[in-house]
N, C-alpha and C. Protein backbone atom coordinates (compact mmCIF):
# COMPACT_ATOMS: atom_id res chain seq x y z
N MET A 1 387.95 39.58 309.99
CA MET A 1 388.58 40.32 311.06
C MET A 1 387.86 41.66 311.20
N ASP A 2 387.29 41.91 312.37
CA ASP A 2 386.53 43.13 312.60
C ASP A 2 387.37 44.10 313.42
N ILE A 3 387.71 45.22 312.84
CA ILE A 3 388.50 46.24 313.54
C ILE A 3 387.64 47.49 313.60
N ASN A 4 387.29 47.88 314.81
CA ASN A 4 386.53 49.11 314.94
C ASN A 4 387.35 50.12 315.74
N ALA A 5 387.00 51.37 315.60
CA ALA A 5 387.77 52.45 316.21
C ALA A 5 387.72 52.40 317.73
N LEU A 6 386.57 52.08 318.30
CA LEU A 6 386.44 52.03 319.74
C LEU A 6 387.30 50.92 320.33
N GLY A 7 387.28 49.76 319.70
CA GLY A 7 388.09 48.64 320.18
C GLY A 7 389.57 48.93 320.09
N ALA A 8 389.99 49.58 319.00
CA ALA A 8 391.39 49.94 318.84
C ALA A 8 391.81 50.96 319.89
N ALA A 9 390.96 51.94 320.17
CA ALA A 9 391.27 52.96 321.17
C ALA A 9 391.38 52.34 322.56
N GLN A 10 390.49 51.39 322.87
CA GLN A 10 390.55 50.74 324.17
C GLN A 10 391.81 49.90 324.31
N LYS A 11 392.18 49.19 323.28
CA LYS A 11 393.41 48.38 323.33
C LYS A 11 394.65 49.28 323.47
N TYR A 12 394.64 50.41 322.77
CA TYR A 12 395.76 51.34 322.87
C TYR A 12 395.86 51.90 324.28
N ALA A 13 394.73 52.28 324.86
CA ALA A 13 394.73 52.83 326.21
C ALA A 13 395.20 51.80 327.22
N ALA A 14 394.88 50.53 327.00
CA ALA A 14 395.32 49.48 327.92
C ALA A 14 396.81 49.21 327.78
N ALA A 15 397.34 49.33 326.57
CA ALA A 15 398.76 49.04 326.34
C ALA A 15 399.65 50.22 326.68
N ARG A 16 399.14 51.42 326.67
CA ARG A 16 399.95 52.61 326.88
C ARG A 16 400.69 52.63 328.22
N PRO A 17 400.09 52.28 329.35
CA PRO A 17 400.84 52.32 330.61
C PRO A 17 402.08 51.43 330.61
N ALA A 18 402.09 50.38 329.84
CA ALA A 18 403.26 49.50 329.80
C ALA A 18 404.44 50.17 329.11
N THR A 19 404.18 51.15 328.26
CA THR A 19 405.27 51.81 327.54
C THR A 19 405.73 53.10 328.19
N GLU A 20 405.00 53.59 329.18
CA GLU A 20 405.39 54.83 329.84
C GLU A 20 406.56 54.58 330.79
N PRO A 21 407.46 55.59 330.95
CA PRO A 21 408.58 55.41 331.87
C PRO A 21 408.11 55.33 333.31
N LYS A 22 408.82 54.56 334.08
CA LYS A 22 408.47 54.39 335.48
C LYS A 22 409.07 55.52 336.30
N ALA A 23 408.32 56.00 337.29
CA ALA A 23 408.76 57.13 338.10
C ALA A 23 409.88 56.75 339.05
N GLU A 24 410.01 55.50 339.43
CA GLU A 24 411.02 55.12 340.42
C GLU A 24 412.45 55.20 339.90
N PHE A 25 412.62 55.21 338.58
CA PHE A 25 413.97 55.28 338.04
C PHE A 25 414.49 56.70 337.95
N GLY A 26 413.63 57.70 338.01
CA GLY A 26 414.06 59.09 337.99
C GLY A 26 414.20 59.64 336.58
N GLY A 27 414.61 58.85 335.64
CA GLY A 27 414.71 59.29 334.26
C GLY A 27 415.99 60.02 333.96
N ALA A 28 416.14 60.36 332.71
CA ALA A 28 417.34 61.04 332.25
C ALA A 28 417.40 62.47 332.77
N GLY A 29 416.25 63.08 332.97
CA GLY A 29 416.22 64.45 333.48
C GLY A 29 416.85 64.57 334.85
N GLU A 30 416.55 63.63 335.72
CA GLU A 30 417.14 63.64 337.06
C GLU A 30 418.64 63.41 337.00
N ALA A 31 419.07 62.52 336.13
CA ALA A 31 420.50 62.26 335.99
C ALA A 31 421.23 63.50 335.50
N MET A 32 420.63 64.22 334.55
CA MET A 32 421.25 65.44 334.04
C MET A 32 421.30 66.52 335.11
N LYS A 33 420.26 66.59 335.93
CA LYS A 33 420.28 67.56 337.03
C LYS A 33 421.41 67.26 338.00
N ASP A 34 421.58 65.98 338.32
CA ASP A 34 422.66 65.59 339.23
C ASP A 34 424.02 65.90 338.64
N ILE A 35 424.19 65.64 337.36
CA ILE A 35 425.47 65.92 336.71
C ILE A 35 425.75 67.42 336.71
N ALA A 36 424.75 68.23 336.39
CA ALA A 36 424.93 69.68 336.38
C ALA A 36 425.23 70.19 337.78
N ARG A 37 424.57 69.62 338.77
CA ARG A 37 424.81 70.04 340.16
C ARG A 37 426.24 69.69 340.59
N ASP A 38 426.72 68.51 340.23
CA ASP A 38 428.09 68.10 340.55
C ASP A 38 429.10 68.98 339.84
N PHE A 39 428.82 69.32 338.58
CA PHE A 39 429.72 70.18 337.81
C PHE A 39 429.83 71.56 338.47
N ALA A 40 428.70 72.13 338.85
CA ALA A 40 428.71 73.44 339.50
C ALA A 40 429.43 73.39 340.85
N ALA A 41 429.24 72.31 341.59
CA ALA A 41 429.91 72.18 342.88
C ALA A 41 431.43 72.07 342.70
N THR A 42 431.86 71.34 341.69
CA THR A 42 433.30 71.22 341.41
C THR A 42 433.89 72.58 341.08
N LEU A 43 433.19 73.35 340.26
CA LEU A 43 433.69 74.69 339.91
C LEU A 43 433.73 75.60 341.13
N GLN A 44 432.73 75.54 341.98
CA GLN A 44 432.72 76.38 343.17
C GLN A 44 433.84 76.01 344.14
N GLU A 45 434.07 74.71 344.32
CA GLU A 45 435.15 74.28 345.21
C GLU A 45 436.51 74.71 344.67
N SER A 46 436.69 74.61 343.37
CA SER A 46 437.96 75.01 342.76
C SER A 46 438.17 76.51 342.88
N GLU A 47 437.10 77.26 342.70
CA GLU A 47 437.21 78.71 342.83
C GLU A 47 437.55 79.11 344.26
N ALA A 48 436.94 78.44 345.22
CA ALA A 48 437.24 78.73 346.63
C ALA A 48 438.69 78.37 346.95
N THR A 49 439.18 77.27 346.41
CA THR A 49 440.57 76.87 346.64
C THR A 49 441.52 77.87 345.99
N ALA A 50 441.19 78.35 344.80
CA ALA A 50 442.03 79.33 344.12
C ALA A 50 442.08 80.64 344.91
N GLN A 51 440.96 81.07 345.43
CA GLN A 51 440.95 82.29 346.24
C GLN A 51 441.75 82.10 347.52
N ALA A 52 441.65 80.93 348.13
CA ALA A 52 442.41 80.66 349.35
C ALA A 52 443.90 80.61 349.05
N ALA A 53 444.27 80.10 347.90
CA ALA A 53 445.69 80.05 347.53
C ALA A 53 446.23 81.44 347.28
N MET A 54 445.42 82.34 346.73
CA MET A 54 445.87 83.71 346.49
C MET A 54 446.10 84.48 347.78
N THR A 55 445.34 84.15 348.81
CA THR A 55 445.50 84.83 350.10
C THR A 55 446.49 84.11 351.00
N GLY A 56 447.01 82.98 350.54
CA GLY A 56 448.01 82.25 351.32
C GLY A 56 447.42 81.25 352.30
N GLU A 57 446.12 81.00 352.24
CA GLU A 57 445.47 80.08 353.17
C GLU A 57 445.52 78.64 352.69
N ALA A 58 445.82 78.41 351.40
CA ALA A 58 445.88 77.05 350.86
C ALA A 58 447.26 76.84 350.22
N ASP A 59 447.74 75.62 350.28
CA ASP A 59 449.05 75.33 349.70
C ASP A 59 448.93 75.20 348.17
N PRO A 60 450.04 75.38 347.47
CA PRO A 60 450.02 75.31 346.00
C PRO A 60 449.59 73.93 345.47
N HIS A 61 449.90 72.88 346.23
CA HIS A 61 449.49 71.54 345.79
C HIS A 61 447.97 71.43 345.70
N ALA A 62 447.25 71.99 346.67
CA ALA A 62 445.78 71.97 346.64
C ALA A 62 445.25 72.77 345.46
N LEU A 63 445.94 73.87 345.13
CA LEU A 63 445.53 74.67 343.99
C LEU A 63 445.69 73.90 342.68
N VAL A 64 446.83 73.23 342.53
CA VAL A 64 447.06 72.45 341.32
C VAL A 64 446.03 71.32 341.20
N GLN A 65 445.74 70.67 342.30
CA GLN A 65 444.75 69.59 342.29
C GLN A 65 443.36 70.13 341.93
N ALA A 66 442.99 71.27 342.48
CA ALA A 66 441.69 71.87 342.18
C ALA A 66 441.61 72.27 340.70
N LEU A 67 442.68 72.82 340.17
CA LEU A 67 442.69 73.20 338.75
C LEU A 67 442.59 71.98 337.85
N ALA A 68 443.23 70.88 338.23
CA ALA A 68 443.16 69.64 337.45
C ALA A 68 441.74 69.09 337.47
N GLN A 69 441.09 69.13 338.62
CA GLN A 69 439.70 68.66 338.71
C GLN A 69 438.77 69.53 337.86
N THR A 70 439.00 70.83 337.89
CA THR A 70 438.19 71.74 337.09
C THR A 70 438.39 71.48 335.60
N GLU A 71 439.65 71.30 335.20
CA GLU A 71 439.93 71.03 333.80
C GLU A 71 439.24 69.74 333.34
N LEU A 72 439.30 68.72 334.16
CA LEU A 72 438.65 67.44 333.82
C LEU A 72 437.13 67.61 333.72
N ALA A 73 436.54 68.37 334.65
CA ALA A 73 435.09 68.59 334.62
C ALA A 73 434.67 69.36 333.37
N VAL A 74 435.45 70.37 333.01
CA VAL A 74 435.11 71.17 331.83
C VAL A 74 435.26 70.32 330.56
N GLU A 75 436.32 69.53 330.48
CA GLU A 75 436.51 68.66 329.32
C GLU A 75 435.37 67.66 329.19
N ALA A 76 434.92 67.11 330.30
CA ALA A 76 433.80 66.17 330.27
C ALA A 76 432.52 66.87 329.81
N ALA A 77 432.28 68.08 330.31
CA ALA A 77 431.09 68.83 329.92
C ALA A 77 431.12 69.16 328.43
N VAL A 78 432.28 69.54 327.92
CA VAL A 78 432.40 69.86 326.50
C VAL A 78 432.18 68.61 325.66
N THR A 79 432.70 67.47 326.11
CA THR A 79 432.50 66.22 325.38
C THR A 79 431.03 65.83 325.33
N VAL A 80 430.34 65.96 326.44
CA VAL A 80 428.90 65.65 326.48
C VAL A 80 428.14 66.60 325.57
N ARG A 81 428.48 67.89 325.63
CA ARG A 81 427.81 68.86 324.76
C ARG A 81 428.01 68.52 323.29
N ASP A 82 429.25 68.16 322.92
CA ASP A 82 429.53 67.80 321.54
C ASP A 82 428.73 66.58 321.09
N LYS A 83 428.60 65.59 321.98
CA LYS A 83 427.83 64.39 321.65
C LYS A 83 426.35 64.72 321.48
N VAL A 84 425.83 65.60 322.31
CA VAL A 84 424.42 65.99 322.21
C VAL A 84 424.18 66.73 320.90
N VAL A 85 425.07 67.65 320.56
CA VAL A 85 424.93 68.39 319.31
C VAL A 85 425.03 67.45 318.12
N GLU A 86 425.96 66.51 318.18
CA GLU A 86 426.11 65.53 317.10
C GLU A 86 424.84 64.68 316.94
N ALA A 87 424.27 64.25 318.05
CA ALA A 87 423.04 63.46 318.00
C ALA A 87 421.88 64.29 317.45
N TYR A 88 421.80 65.55 317.83
CA TYR A 88 420.75 66.43 317.33
C TYR A 88 420.87 66.61 315.82
N ARG A 89 422.08 66.83 315.36
CA ARG A 89 422.30 66.98 313.91
C ARG A 89 421.95 65.69 313.16
N GLU A 90 422.26 64.55 313.76
CA GLU A 90 421.92 63.27 313.14
C GLU A 90 420.41 63.10 313.05
N ILE A 91 419.70 63.53 314.07
CA ILE A 91 418.24 63.45 314.05
C ILE A 91 417.67 64.37 312.96
N LEU A 92 418.26 65.55 312.81
CA LEU A 92 417.79 66.47 311.78
C LEU A 92 418.01 65.92 310.37
N ARG A 93 419.03 65.10 310.20
CA ARG A 93 419.32 64.53 308.88
C ARG A 93 418.44 63.33 308.55
N MET A 94 417.72 62.81 309.50
CA MET A 94 416.87 61.63 309.25
C MET A 94 415.70 62.00 308.35
N PRO A 95 415.41 61.14 307.39
CA PRO A 95 414.23 61.42 306.56
C PRO A 95 412.95 61.17 307.34
N VAL A 96 411.96 61.94 307.03
CA VAL A 96 410.69 61.83 307.75
C VAL A 96 409.74 60.92 307.03
């Protein structure tokens, strides 16, 4: 069996494109951007509803609904953050 460095490098270069992520899926980065954008929009809408309720332009039911949505969004963000921190700590504990 003859293994030379040039042949191995050529085979690696040919196989590498098959393992690279495809651009059409957007990746995890795009998904995280969308989630962060939705979270910020939820907070802004809730803040606007709260300000409208303080000036009497919105009914109390809309305020309660906006606060519930904000609470749910914050709880989800905290849960995701906790999972990310837990995964990071698990990676740090892995032997090299």
